[in-house]
Amino acid sequence: MKFITVALLSLIAVSVNADLTSCVQAIPIPCSSSTNIDVSCSQALSQYYNCVANNSCASNVNNLSDYSKCIKNCAPSSNTEVQEFANKYAACLYENIIGYTFAFLAIIAFMF
């Protein structure tokens, strides 16, 4: 029974991580769709990436929810394209949190 639970846990964890990866890869990079160079968009994107790096969103948080909040807090208010990018990325993280929650509940159900 424990072997089946561990196998299911591994399978669910891999599928949830694959979903997060495909979700993030499907988000178009802002400022790259137009043929004209949008300087304000490029600057906003650069500021966004600097904020994420300076706040150490990836290393100073304890869970995906905190990471998602950090990412959204760095979204600039000056450019809607970069805001949408940050919101879509945060949405992918929230979906992953929900996936892990269901996986955990499924494991508990299999154990008992």
PDB file of N, CA and C in Angstrom:
ATOM      1  N   MET A   1       0.816  -1.190   0.000  1.00  0.00           N
ATOM      2  CA  MET A   1       0.000   0.000   0.000  1.00  0.00           C
ATOM      3  C   MET A   1       0.863   1.257   0.000  1.00  0.00           C
ATOM      4  N   LYS A   2       1.936   1.236   0.797  1.00  0.00           N
ATOM      5  CA  LYS A   2       2.812   2.394   0.849  1.00  0.00           C
ATOM      6  C   LYS A   2       3.519   2.598  -0.487  1.00  0.00           C
ATOM      7  N   PHE A   3       3.893   1.512  -1.152  1.00  0.00           N
ATOM      8  CA  PHE A   3       4.553   1.617  -2.447  1.00  0.00           C
ATOM      9  C   PHE A   3       3.626   2.278  -3.466  1.00  0.00           C
ATOM     10  N   ILE A   4       2.365   1.893  -3.457  1.00  0.00           N
ATOM     11  CA  ILE A   4       1.391   2.479  -4.383  1.00  0.00           C
ATOM     12  C   ILE A   4       1.227   3.968  -4.094  1.00  0.00           C
ATOM     13  N   THR A   5       1.186   4.330  -2.814  1.00  0.00           N
ATOM     14  CA  THR A   5       1.052   5.739  -2.433  1.00  0.00           C
ATOM     15  C   THR A   5       2.256   6.539  -2.907  1.00  0.00           C
ATOM     16  N   VAL A   6       3.455   6.025  -2.707  1.00  0.00           N
ATOM     17  CA  VAL A   6       4.669   6.722  -3.139  1.00  0.00           C
ATOM     18  C   VAL A   6       4.703   6.833  -4.661  1.00  0.00           C
ATOM     19  N   ALA A   7       4.302   5.790  -5.352  1.00  0.00           N
ATOM     20  CA  ALA A   7       4.278   5.830  -6.812  1.00  0.00           C
ATOM     21  C   ALA A   7       3.281   6.867  -7.311  1.00  0.00           C
ATOM     22  N   LEU A   8       2.114   6.925  -6.699  1.00  0.00           N
ATOM     23  CA  LEU A   8       1.123   7.926  -7.088  1.00  0.00           C
ATOM     24  C   LEU A   8       1.602   9.335  -6.777  1.00  0.00           C
ATOM     25  N   LEU A   9       2.241   9.502  -5.629  1.00  0.00           N
ATOM     26  CA  LEU A   9       2.791  10.808  -5.269  1.00  0.00           C
ATOM     27  C   LEU A   9       3.808  11.264  -6.313  1.00  0.00           C
ATOM     28  N   SER A  10       4.682  10.378  -6.721  1.00  0.00           N
ATOM     29  CA  SER A  10       5.690  10.717  -7.724  1.00  0.00           C
ATOM     30  C   SER A  10       5.052  11.077  -9.051  1.00  0.00           C
ATOM     31  N   LEU A  11       4.083  10.310  -9.445  1.00  0.00           N
ATOM     32  CA  LEU A  11       3.394  10.567 -10.710  1.00  0.00           C
ATOM     33  C   LEU A  11       2.671  11.910 -10.688  1.00  0.00           C
ATOM     34  N   ILE A  12       1.987  12.199  -9.601  1.00  0.00           N
ATOM     35  CA  ILE A  12       1.256  13.458  -9.479  1.00  0.00           C
ATOM     36  C   ILE A  12       2.228  14.637  -9.427  1.00  0.00           C
ATOM     37  N   ALA A  13       3.313  14.503  -8.687  1.00  0.00           N
ATOM     38  CA  ALA A  13       4.297  15.589  -8.592  1.00  0.00           C
ATOM     39  C   ALA A  13       4.904  15.901  -9.950  1.00  0.00           C
ATOM     40  N   VAL A  14       5.220  14.884 -10.719  1.00  0.00           N
ATOM     41  CA  VAL A  14       5.787  15.096 -12.053  1.00  0.00           C
ATOM     42  C   VAL A  14       4.773  15.774 -12.961  1.00  0.00           C
ATOM     43  N   SER A  15       3.516  15.341 -12.895  1.00  0.00           N
ATOM     44  CA  SER A  15       2.506  15.935 -13.775  1.00  0.00           C
ATOM     45  C   SER A  15       2.207  17.380 -13.391  1.00  0.00           C
ATOM     46  N   VAL A  16       2.207  17.692 -12.092  1.00  0.00           N
ATOM     47  CA  VAL A  16       1.962  19.066 -11.657  1.00  0.00           C
ATOM     48  C   VAL A  16       3.112  19.964 -12.092  1.00  0.00           C
ATOM     49  N   ASN A  17       4.360  19.493 -11.957  1.00  0.00           N
ATOM     50  CA  ASN A  17       5.510  20.282 -12.396  1.00  0.00           C
ATOM     51  C   ASN A  17       5.502  20.477 -13.903  1.00  0.00           C
ATOM     52  N   ALA A  18       5.091  19.478 -14.644  1.00  0.00           N
ATOM     53  CA  ALA A  18       5.008  19.596 -16.100  1.00  0.00           C
ATOM     54  C   ALA A  18       3.945  20.618 -16.486  1.00  0.00           C
ATOM     55  N   ASP A  19       2.837  20.638 -15.745  1.00  0.00           N
ATOM     56  CA  ASP A  19       1.795  21.627 -16.011  1.00  0.00           C
ATOM     57  C   ASP A  19       2.305  23.044 -15.777  1.00  0.00           C
ATOM     58  N   LEU A  20       3.068  23.252 -14.700  1.00  0.00           N
ATOM     59  CA  LEU A  20       3.624  24.575 -14.414  1.00  0.00           C
ATOM     60  C   LEU A  20       4.573  24.999 -15.524  1.00  0.00           C
ATOM     61  N   THR A  21       5.432  24.091 -15.945  1.00  0.00           N
ATOM     62  CA  THR A  21       6.394  24.414 -16.998  1.00  0.00           C
ATOM     63  C   THR A  21       5.692  24.782 -18.291  1.00  0.00           C
ATOM     64  N   SER A  22       4.707  23.990 -18.690  1.00  0.00           N
ATOM     65  CA  SER A  22       4.001  24.287 -19.941  1.00  0.00           C
ATOM     66  C   SER A  22       3.198  25.579 -19.820  1.00  0.00           C
ATOM     67  N   CYS A  23       2.660  25.862 -18.647  1.00  0.00           N
ATOM     68  CA  CYS A  23       1.908  27.097 -18.438  1.00  0.00           C
ATOM     69  C   CYS A  23       2.827  28.309 -18.587  1.00  0.00           C
ATOM     70  N   VAL A  24       3.982  28.264 -17.944  1.00  0.00           N
ATOM     71  CA  VAL A  24       4.925  29.385 -17.999  1.00  0.00           C
ATOM     72  C   VAL A  24       5.476  29.556 -19.411  1.00  0.00           C
ATOM     73  N   GLN A  25       5.773  28.463 -20.094  1.00  0.00           N
ATOM     74  CA  GLN A  25       6.317  28.564 -21.448  1.00  0.00           C
ATOM     75  C   GLN A  25       5.287  29.095 -22.435  1.00  0.00           C
ATOM     76  N   ALA A  26       4.017  28.965 -22.138  1.00  0.00           N
ATOM     77  CA  ALA A  26       2.973  29.444 -23.039  1.00  0.00           C
ATOM     78  C   ALA A  26       2.735  30.948 -22.930  1.00  0.00           C
ATOM     79  N   ILE A  27       3.285  31.575 -21.904  1.00  0.00           N
ATOM     80  CA  ILE A  27       3.101  33.015 -21.720  1.00  0.00           C
ATOM     81  C   ILE A  27       4.034  33.754 -22.684  1.00  0.00           C
ATOM     82  N   PRO A  28       3.468  34.603 -23.531  1.00  0.00           N
ATOM     83  CA  PRO A  28       4.332  35.354 -24.441  1.00  0.00           C
ATOM     84  C   PRO A  28       5.163  36.401 -23.689  1.00  0.00           C
ATOM     85  N   ILE A  29       6.408  36.531 -24.088  1.00  0.00           N
ATOM     86  CA  ILE A  29       7.295  37.523 -23.474  1.00  0.00           C
ATOM     87  C   ILE A  29       6.823  38.907 -23.915  1.00  0.00           C
ATOM     88  N   PRO A  30       6.640  39.820 -22.964  1.00  0.00           N
ATOM     89  CA  PRO A  30       6.162  41.146 -23.354  1.00  0.00           C
ATOM     90  C   PRO A  30       7.219  41.909 -24.162  1.00  0.00           C
ATOM     91  N   CYS A  31       6.750  42.850 -24.921  1.00  0.00           N
ATOM     92  CA  CYS A  31       7.593  43.759 -25.711  1.00  0.00           C
ATOM     93  C   CYS A  31       8.248  43.081 -26.903  1.00  0.00           C
ATOM     94  N   SER A  32       7.954  41.827 -27.170  1.00  0.00           N
ATOM     95  CA  SER A  32       8.620  41.138 -28.270  1.00  0.00           C
ATOM     96  C   SER A  32       7.700  40.897 -29.457  1.00  0.00           C
ATOM     97  N   SER A  33       6.422  41.213 -29.313  1.00  0.00           N
ATOM     98  CA  SER A  33       5.474  40.888 -30.381  1.00  0.00           C
ATOM     99  C   SER A  33       5.432  41.951 -31.477  1.00  0.00           C
ATOM    100  N   SER A  34       5.796  43.159 -31.165  1.00  0.00           N
ATOM    101  CA  SER A  34       5.698  44.216 -32.170  1.00  0.00           C
ATOM    102  C   SER A  34       7.017  44.346 -32.939  1.00  0.00           C
ATOM    103  N   THR A  35       6.907  44.812 -34.160  1.00  0.00           N
ATOM    104  CA  THR A  35       8.110  45.008 -34.977  1.00  0.00           C
ATOM    105  C   THR A  35       8.825  46.291 -34.590  1.00  0.00           C
ATOM    106  N   ASN A  36       8.081  47.272 -34.093  1.00  0.00           N
ATOM    107  CA  ASN A  36       8.702  48.510 -33.617  1.00  0.00           C
ATOM    108  C   ASN A  36       9.216  48.290 -32.206  1.00  0.00           C
ATOM    109  N   ILE A  37      10.357  48.854 -31.913  1.00  0.00           N
ATOM    110  CA  ILE A  37      10.921  48.713 -30.571  1.00  0.00           C
ATOM    111  C   ILE A  37      10.217  49.700 -29.648  1.00  0.00           C
ATOM    112  N   ASP A  38       9.554  49.159 -28.644  1.00  0.00           N
ATOM    113  CA  ASP A  38       8.854  49.981 -27.663  1.00  0.00           C
ATOM    114  C   ASP A  38       9.797  50.186 -26.477  1.00  0.00           C
ATOM    115  N   VAL A  39      10.393  51.350 -26.424  1.00  0.00           N
ATOM    116  CA  VAL A  39      11.395  51.633 -25.399  1.00  0.00           C
ATOM    117  C   VAL A  39      10.787  51.611 -24.011  1.00  0.00           C
ATOM    118  N   SER A  40       9.590  52.181 -23.859  1.00  0.00           N
ATOM    119  CA  SER A  40       8.963  52.214 -22.531  1.00  0.00           C
ATOM    120  C   SER A  40       8.633  50.811 -22.044  1.00  0.00           C
ATOM    121  N   CYS A  41       8.208  49.941 -22.957  1.00  0.00           N
ATOM    122  CA  CYS A  41       7.912  48.559 -22.580  1.00  0.00           C
ATOM    123  C   CYS A  41       9.191  47.838 -22.180  1.00  0.00           C
ATOM    124  N   SER A  42      10.246  48.034 -22.957  1.00  0.00           N
ATOM    125  CA  SER A  42      11.531  47.400 -22.643  1.00  0.00           C
ATOM    126  C   SER A  42      12.073  47.866 -21.298  1.00  0.00           C
ATOM    127  N   GLN A  43      11.913  49.154 -21.024  1.00  0.00           N
ATOM    128  CA  GLN A  43      12.362  49.679 -19.732  1.00  0.00           C
ATOM    129  C   GLN A  43      11.534  49.103 -18.588  1.00  0.00           C
ATOM    130  N   ALA A  44      10.227  49.017 -18.783  1.00  0.00           N
ATOM    131  CA  ALA A  44       9.358  48.455 -17.741  1.00  0.00           C
ATOM    132  C   ALA A  44       9.688  46.988 -17.493  1.00  0.00           C
ATOM    133  N   LEU A  45       9.968  46.244 -18.570  1.00  0.00           N
ATOM    134  CA  LEU A  45      10.328  44.832 -18.421  1.00  0.00           C
ATOM    135  C   LEU A  45      11.662  44.695 -17.693  1.00  0.00           C
ATOM    136  N   SER A  46      12.600  45.549 -18.035  1.00  0.00           N
ATOM    137  CA  SER A  46      13.905  45.528 -17.364  1.00  0.00           C
ATOM    138  C   SER A  46      13.759  45.855 -15.876  1.00  0.00           C
ATOM    139  N   GLN A  47      12.939  46.849 -15.560  1.00  0.00           N
ATOM    140  CA  GLN A  47      12.693  47.197 -14.158  1.00  0.00           C
ATOM    141  C   GLN A  47      12.021  46.051 -13.421  1.00  0.00           C
ATOM    142  N   TYR A  48      11.113  45.370 -14.099  1.00  0.00           N
ATOM    143  CA  TYR A  48      10.423  44.233 -13.494  1.00  0.00           C
ATOM    144  C   TYR A  48      11.423  43.124 -13.159  1.00  0.00           C
ATOM    145  N   TYR A  49      12.257  42.766 -14.131  1.00  0.00           N
ATOM    146  CA  TYR A  49      13.262  41.727 -13.885  1.00  0.00           C
ATOM    147  C   TYR A  49      14.242  42.145 -12.781  1.00  0.00           C
ATOM    148  N   ASN A  50      14.618  43.420 -12.741  1.00  0.00           N
ATOM    149  CA  ASN A  50      15.508  43.899 -11.687  1.00  0.00           C
ATOM    150  C   ASN A  50      14.841  43.802 -10.321  1.00  0.00           C
ATOM    151  N   CYS A  51      13.567  44.136 -10.256  1.00  0.00           N
ATOM    152  CA  CYS A  51      12.828  44.046  -8.996  1.00  0.00           C
ATOM    153  C   CYS A  51      12.778  42.600  -8.505  1.00  0.00           C
ATOM    154  N   VAL A  52      12.473  41.680  -9.423  1.00  0.00           N
ATOM    155  CA  VAL A  52      12.416  40.263  -9.049  1.00  0.00           C
ATOM    156  C   VAL A  52      13.783  39.800  -8.538  1.00  0.00           C
ATOM    157  N   ALA A  53      14.855  40.247  -9.204  1.00  0.00           N
ATOM    158  CA  ALA A  53      16.206  39.851  -8.787  1.00  0.00           C
ATOM    159  C   ALA A  53      16.607  40.534  -7.479  1.00  0.00           C
ATOM    160  N   ASN A  54      16.332  41.832  -7.353  1.00  0.00           N
ATOM    161  CA  ASN A  54      16.727  42.572  -6.152  1.00  0.00           C
ATOM    162  C   ASN A  54      15.948  42.132  -4.923  1.00  0.00           C
ATOM    163  N   ASN A  55      14.698  41.764  -5.102  1.00  0.00           N
ATOM    164  CA  ASN A  55      13.900  41.277  -3.973  1.00  0.00           C
ATOM    165  C   ASN A  55      14.144  39.803  -3.701  1.00  0.00           C
ATOM    166  N   SER A  56      14.952  39.183  -4.541  1.00  0.00           N
ATOM    167  CA  SER A  56      15.276  37.759  -4.404  1.00  0.00           C
ATOM    168  C   SER A  56      14.011  36.923  -4.243  1.00  0.00           C
ATOM    169  N   CYS A  57      13.061  37.150  -5.128  1.00  0.00           N
ATOM    170  CA  CYS A  57      11.779  36.444  -5.047  1.00  0.00           C
ATOM    171  C   CYS A  57      11.979  34.930  -5.023  1.00  0.00           C
ATOM    172  N   ALA A  58      12.932  34.437  -5.787  1.00  0.00           N
ATOM    173  CA  ALA A  58      13.117  32.993  -5.881  1.00  0.00           C
ATOM    174  C   ALA A  58      13.793  32.389  -4.656  1.00  0.00           C
ATOM    175  N   SER A  59      14.580  33.166  -3.939  1.00  0.00           N
ATOM    176  CA  SER A  59      15.335  32.563  -2.835  1.00  0.00           C
ATOM    177  C   SER A  59      14.876  33.007  -1.449  1.00  0.00           C
ATOM    178  N   ASN A  60      14.167  34.099  -1.331  1.00  0.00           N
ATOM    179  CA  ASN A  60      13.787  34.597  -0.011  1.00  0.00           C
ATOM    180  C   ASN A  60      12.362  34.256   0.394  1.00  0.00           C
ATOM    181  N   VAL A  61      11.723  33.376  -0.344  1.00  0.00           N
ATOM    182  CA  VAL A  61      10.350  33.017  -0.011  1.00  0.00           C
ATOM    183  C   VAL A  61      10.301  31.561   0.431  1.00  0.00           C
ATOM    184  N   ASN A  62       9.252  31.243   1.178  1.00  0.00           N
ATOM    185  CA  ASN A  62       9.130  29.897   1.733  1.00  0.00           C
ATOM    186  C   ASN A  62       8.239  28.985   0.910  1.00  0.00           C
ATOM    187  N   ASN A  63       7.357  29.564   0.095  1.00  0.00           N
ATOM    188  CA  ASN A  63       6.426  28.733  -0.657  1.00  0.00           C
ATOM    189  C   ASN A  63       6.018  29.434  -1.947  1.00  0.00           C
ATOM    190  N   LEU A  64       5.260  28.737  -2.782  1.00  0.00           N
ATOM    191  CA  LEU A  64       4.850  29.289  -4.073  1.00  0.00           C
ATOM    192  C   LEU A  64       3.921  30.485  -3.922  1.00  0.00           C
ATOM    193  N   SER A  65       3.128  30.513  -2.887  1.00  0.00           N
ATOM    194  CA  SER A  65       2.224  31.636  -2.676  1.00  0.00           C
ATOM    195  C   SER A  65       3.013  32.922  -2.423  1.00  0.00           C
ATOM    196  N   ASP A  66       4.031  32.845  -1.567  1.00  0.00           N
ATOM    197  CA  ASP A  66       4.885  34.007  -1.310  1.00  0.00           C
ATOM    198  C   ASP A  66       5.627  34.436  -2.573  1.00  0.00           C
ATOM    199  N   TYR A  67       6.089  33.459  -3.341  1.00  0.00           N
ATOM    200  CA  TYR A  67       6.791  33.750  -4.590  1.00  0.00           C
ATOM    201  C   TYR A  67       5.862  34.460  -5.567  1.00  0.00           C
ATOM    202  N   SER A  68       4.639  33.992  -5.652  1.00  0.00           N
ATOM    203  CA  SER A  68       3.662  34.610  -6.536  1.00  0.00           C
ATOM    204  C   SER A  68       3.372  36.046  -6.120  1.00  0.00           C
ATOM    205  N   LYS A  69       3.241  36.290  -4.824  1.00  0.00           N
ATOM    206  CA  LYS A  69       2.998  37.652  -4.335  1.00  0.00           C
ATOM    207  C   LYS A  69       4.184  38.556  -4.648  1.00  0.00           C
ATOM    208  N   CYS A  70       5.385  38.046  -4.470  1.00  0.00           N
ATOM    209  CA  CYS A  70       6.596  38.817  -4.765  1.00  0.00           C
ATOM    210  C   CYS A  70       6.632  39.193  -6.242  1.00  0.00           C
ATOM    211  N   ILE A  71       6.300  38.239  -7.096  1.00  0.00           N
ATOM    212  CA  ILE A  71       6.294  38.481  -8.542  1.00  0.00           C
ATOM    213  C   ILE A  71       5.262  39.551  -8.900  1.00  0.00           C
ATOM    214  N   LYS A  72       4.067  39.466  -8.330  1.00  0.00           N
ATOM    215  CA  LYS A  72       3.019  40.438  -8.643  1.00  0.00           C
ATOM    216  C   LYS A  72       3.357  41.817  -8.100  1.00  0.00           C
ATOM    217  N   ASN A  73       4.017  41.885  -6.936  1.00  0.00           N
ATOM    218  CA  ASN A  73       4.383  43.178  -6.361  1.00  0.00           C
ATOM    219  C   ASN A  73       5.419  43.905  -7.206  1.00  0.00           C
ATOM    220  N   CYS A  74       6.178  43.168  -7.987  1.00  0.00           N
ATOM    221  CA  CYS A  74       7.196  43.785  -8.832  1.00  0.00           C
ATOM    222  C   CYS A  74       6.632  44.294 -10.153  1.00  0.00           C
ATOM    223  N   ALA A  75       5.417  43.942 -10.479  1.00  0.00           N
ATOM    224  CA  ALA A  75       4.829  44.368 -11.756  1.00  0.00           C
ATOM    225  C   ALA A  75       4.694  45.887 -11.780  1.00  0.00           C
ATOM    226  N   PRO A  76       5.201  46.526 -12.827  1.00  0.00           N
ATOM    227  CA  PRO A  76       5.128  47.988 -12.894  1.00  0.00           C
ATOM    228  C   PRO A  76       3.712  48.448 -13.206  1.00  0.00           C
ATOM    229  N   SER A  77       3.367  49.592 -12.684  1.00  0.00           N
ATOM    230  CA  SER A  77       2.040  50.132 -12.967  1.00  0.00           C
ATOM    231  C   SER A  77       2.035  50.929 -14.264  1.00  0.00           C
ATOM    232  N   SER A  78       3.211  51.156 -14.835  1.00  0.00           N
ATOM    233  CA  SER A  78       3.305  52.022 -16.011  1.00  0.00           C
ATOM    234  C   SER A  78       3.065  51.303 -17.334  1.00  0.00           C
ATOM    235  N   ASN A  79       3.165  49.990 -17.375  1.00  0.00           N
ATOM    236  CA  ASN A  79       3.055  49.283 -18.652  1.00  0.00           C
ATOM    237  C   ASN A  79       2.124  48.092 -18.510  1.00  0.00           C
ATOM    238  N   THR A  80       1.036  48.110 -19.260  1.00  0.00           N
ATOM    239  CA  THR A  80       0.034  47.051 -19.146  1.00  0.00           C
ATOM    240  C   THR A  80       0.529  45.721 -19.692  1.00  0.00           C
ATOM    241  N   GLU A  81       1.397  45.757 -20.693  1.00  0.00           N
ATOM    242  CA  GLU A  81       1.900  44.507 -21.281  1.00  0.00           C
ATOM    243  C   GLU A  81       2.736  43.729 -20.263  1.00  0.00           C
ATOM    244  N   VAL A  82       3.569  44.435 -19.509  1.00  0.00           N
ATOM    245  CA  VAL A  82       4.398  43.786 -18.485  1.00  0.00           C
ATOM    246  C   VAL A  82       3.530  43.371 -17.301  1.00  0.00           C
ATOM    247  N   GLN A  83       2.512  44.171 -16.983  1.00  0.00           N
ATOM    248  CA  GLN A  83       1.572  43.802 -15.916  1.00  0.00           C
ATOM    249  C   GLN A  83       0.866  42.496 -16.253  1.00  0.00           C
ATOM    250  N   GLU A  84       0.399  42.374 -17.484  1.00  0.00           N
ATOM    251  CA  GLU A  84      -0.281  41.146 -17.904  1.00  0.00           C
ATOM    252  C   GLU A  84       0.655  39.949 -17.835  1.00  0.00           C
ATOM    253  N   PHE A  85       1.916  40.137 -18.218  1.00  0.00           N
ATOM    254  CA  PHE A  85       2.908  39.080 -18.140  1.00  0.00           C
ATOM    255  C   PHE A  85       3.069  38.608 -16.695  1.00  0.00           C
ATOM    256  N   ALA A  86       3.221  39.552 -15.768  1.00  0.00           N
ATOM    257  CA  ALA A  86       3.389  39.213 -14.347  1.00  0.00           C
ATOM    258  C   ALA A  86       2.142  38.533 -13.796  1.00  0.00           C
ATOM    259  N   ASN A  87       0.971  39.013 -14.184  1.00  0.00           N
ATOM    260  CA  ASN A  87      -0.278  38.412 -13.696  1.00  0.00           C
ATOM    261  C   ASN A  87      -0.459  36.987 -14.220  1.00  0.00           C
ATOM    262  N   LYS A  88      -0.116  36.760 -15.485  1.00  0.00           N
ATOM    263  CA  LYS A  88      -0.233  35.413 -16.049  1.00  0.00           C
ATOM    264  C   LYS A  88       0.754  34.462 -15.389  1.00  0.00           C
ATOM    265  N   TYR A  89       1.959  34.950 -15.110  1.00  0.00           N
ATOM    266  CA  TYR A  89       2.961  34.117 -14.435  1.00  0.00           C
ATOM    267  C   TYR A  89       2.489  33.764 -13.026  1.00  0.00           C
ATOM    268  N   ALA A  90       1.944  34.740 -12.321  1.00  0.00           N
ATOM    269  CA  ALA A  90       1.418  34.485 -10.973  1.00  0.00           C
ATOM    270  C   ALA A  90       0.240  33.516 -11.029  1.00  0.00           C
ATOM    271  N   ALA A  91      -0.589  33.622 -12.058  1.00  0.00           N
ATOM    272  CA  ALA A  91      -1.719  32.704 -12.208  1.00  0.00           C
ATOM    273  C   ALA A  91      -1.236  31.273 -12.405  1.00  0.00           C
ATOM    274  N   CYS A  92      -0.150  31.095 -13.155  1.00  0.00           N
ATOM    275  CA  CYS A  92       0.418  29.750 -13.324  1.00  0.00           C
ATOM    276  C   CYS A  92       0.866  29.188 -11.976  1.00  0.00           C
ATOM    277  N   LEU A  93       1.456  30.038 -11.140  1.00  0.00           N
ATOM    278  CA  LEU A  93       1.905  29.588  -9.821  1.00  0.00           C
ATOM    279  C   LEU A  93       0.722  29.202  -8.942  1.00  0.00           C
ATOM    280  N   TYR A  94      -0.341  30.008  -8.978  1.00  0.00           N
ATOM    281  CA  TYR A  94      -1.526  29.685  -8.179  1.00  0.00           C
ATOM    282  C   TYR A  94      -2.153  28.371  -8.628  1.00  0.00           C
ATOM    283  N   GLU A  95      -2.191  28.140  -9.945  1.00  0.00           N
ATOM    284  CA  GLU A  95      -2.719  26.873 -10.443  1.00  0.00           C
ATOM    285  C   GLU A  95      -1.874  25.708  -9.945  1.00  0.00           C
ATOM    286  N   ASN A  96      -0.571  25.916  -9.866  1.00  0.00           N
ATOM    287  CA  ASN A  96       0.318  24.872  -9.374  1.00  0.00           C
ATOM    288  C   ASN A  96       0.074  24.612  -7.882  1.00  0.00           C
ATOM    289  N   ILE A  97      -0.196  25.661  -7.124  1.00  0.00           N
ATOM    290  CA  ILE A  97      -0.499  25.496  -5.704  1.00  0.00           C
ATOM    291  C   ILE A  97      -1.755  24.649  -5.534  1.00  0.00           C
ATOM    292  N   ILE A  98      -2.763  24.930  -6.343  1.00  0.00           N
ATOM    293  CA  ILE A  98      -4.011  24.156  -6.286  1.00  0.00           C
ATOM    294  C   ILE A  98      -3.744  22.703  -6.663  1.00  0.00           C
ATOM    295  N   GLY A  99      -2.897  22.486  -7.669  1.00  0.00           N
ATOM    296  CA  GLY A  99      -2.551  21.124  -8.080  1.00  0.00           C
ATOM    297  C   GLY A  99      -1.863  20.356  -6.961  1.00  0.00           C
ATOM    298  N   TYR A 100      -0.924  20.999  -6.271  1.00  0.00           N
ATOM    299  CA  TYR A 100      -0.247  20.337  -5.151  1.00  0.00           C
ATOM    300  C   TYR A 100      -1.214  20.050  -4.016  1.00  0.00           C
ATOM    301  N   THR A 101      -2.158  20.938  -3.781  1.00  0.00           N
ATOM    302  CA  THR A 101      -3.145  20.716  -2.722  1.00  0.00           C
ATOM    303  C   THR A 101      -3.983  19.479  -3.019  1.00  0.00           C
ATOM    304  N   PHE A 102      -4.466  19.378  -4.258  1.00  0.00           N
ATOM    305  CA  PHE A 102      -5.249  18.194  -4.632  1.00  0.00           C
ATOM    306  C   PHE A 102      -4.404  16.927  -4.579  1.00  0.00           C
ATOM    307  N   ALA A 103      -3.137  17.037  -4.963  1.00  0.00           N
ATOM    308  CA  ALA A 103      -2.250  15.872  -4.902  1.00  0.00           C
ATOM    309  C   ALA A 103      -2.077  15.410  -3.459  1.00  0.00           C
ATOM    310  N   PHE A 104      -1.892  16.356  -2.559  1.00  0.00           N
ATOM    311  CA  PHE A 104      -1.730  16.023  -1.147  1.00  0.00           C
ATOM    312  C   PHE A 104      -3.002  15.359  -0.599  1.00  0.00           C
ATOM    313  N   LEU A 105      -4.157  15.908  -0.963  1.00  0.00           N
ATOM    314  CA  LEU A 105      -5.415  15.322  -0.503  1.00  0.00           C
ATOM    315  C   LEU A 105      -5.621  13.924  -1.084  1.00  0.00           C
ATOM    316  N   ALA A 106      -5.213  13.736  -2.325  1.00  0.00           N
ATOM    317  CA  ALA A 106      -5.342  12.399  -2.933  1.00  0.00           C
ATOM    318  C   ALA A 106      -4.450  11.391  -2.219  1.00  0.00           C
ATOM    319  N   ILE A 107      -3.278  11.806  -1.857  1.00  0.00           N
ATOM    320  CA  ILE A 107      -2.357  10.900  -1.147  1.00  0.00           C
ATOM    321  C   ILE A 107      -2.930  10.523   0.221  1.00  0.00           C
ATOM    322  N   ILE A 108      -3.470  11.503   0.910  1.00  0.00           N
ATOM    323  CA  ILE A 108      -4.073  11.210   2.219  1.00  0.00           C
ATOM    324  C   ILE A 108      -5.234  10.220   2.043  1.00  0.00           C
ATOM    325  N   ALA A 109      -6.016  10.428   0.992  1.00  0.00           N
ATOM    326  CA  ALA A 109      -7.155   9.527   0.755  1.00  0.00           C
ATOM    327  C   ALA A 109      -6.671   8.103   0.460  1.00  0.00           C
ATOM    328  N   PHE A 110      -5.580   7.967  -0.285  1.00  0.00           N
ATOM    329  CA  PHE A 110      -5.049   6.633  -0.588  1.00  0.00           C
ATOM    330  C   PHE A 110      -4.441   5.971   0.643  1.00  0.00           C
ATOM    331  N   MET A 111      -3.898   6.765   1.552  1.00  0.00           N
ATOM    332  CA  MET A 111      -3.252   6.198   2.727  1.00  0.00           C
ATOM    333  C   MET A 111      -4.265   5.658   3.729  1.00  0.00           C
ATOM    334  N   PHE A 112      -5.426   6.255   3.776  1.00  0.00           N
ATOM    335  CA  PHE A 112      -6.409   5.832   4.771  1.00  0.00           C
ATOM    336  C   PHE A 112      -7.527   5.155   4.102  1.00  0.00           C
TER     337      PHE A 112
END
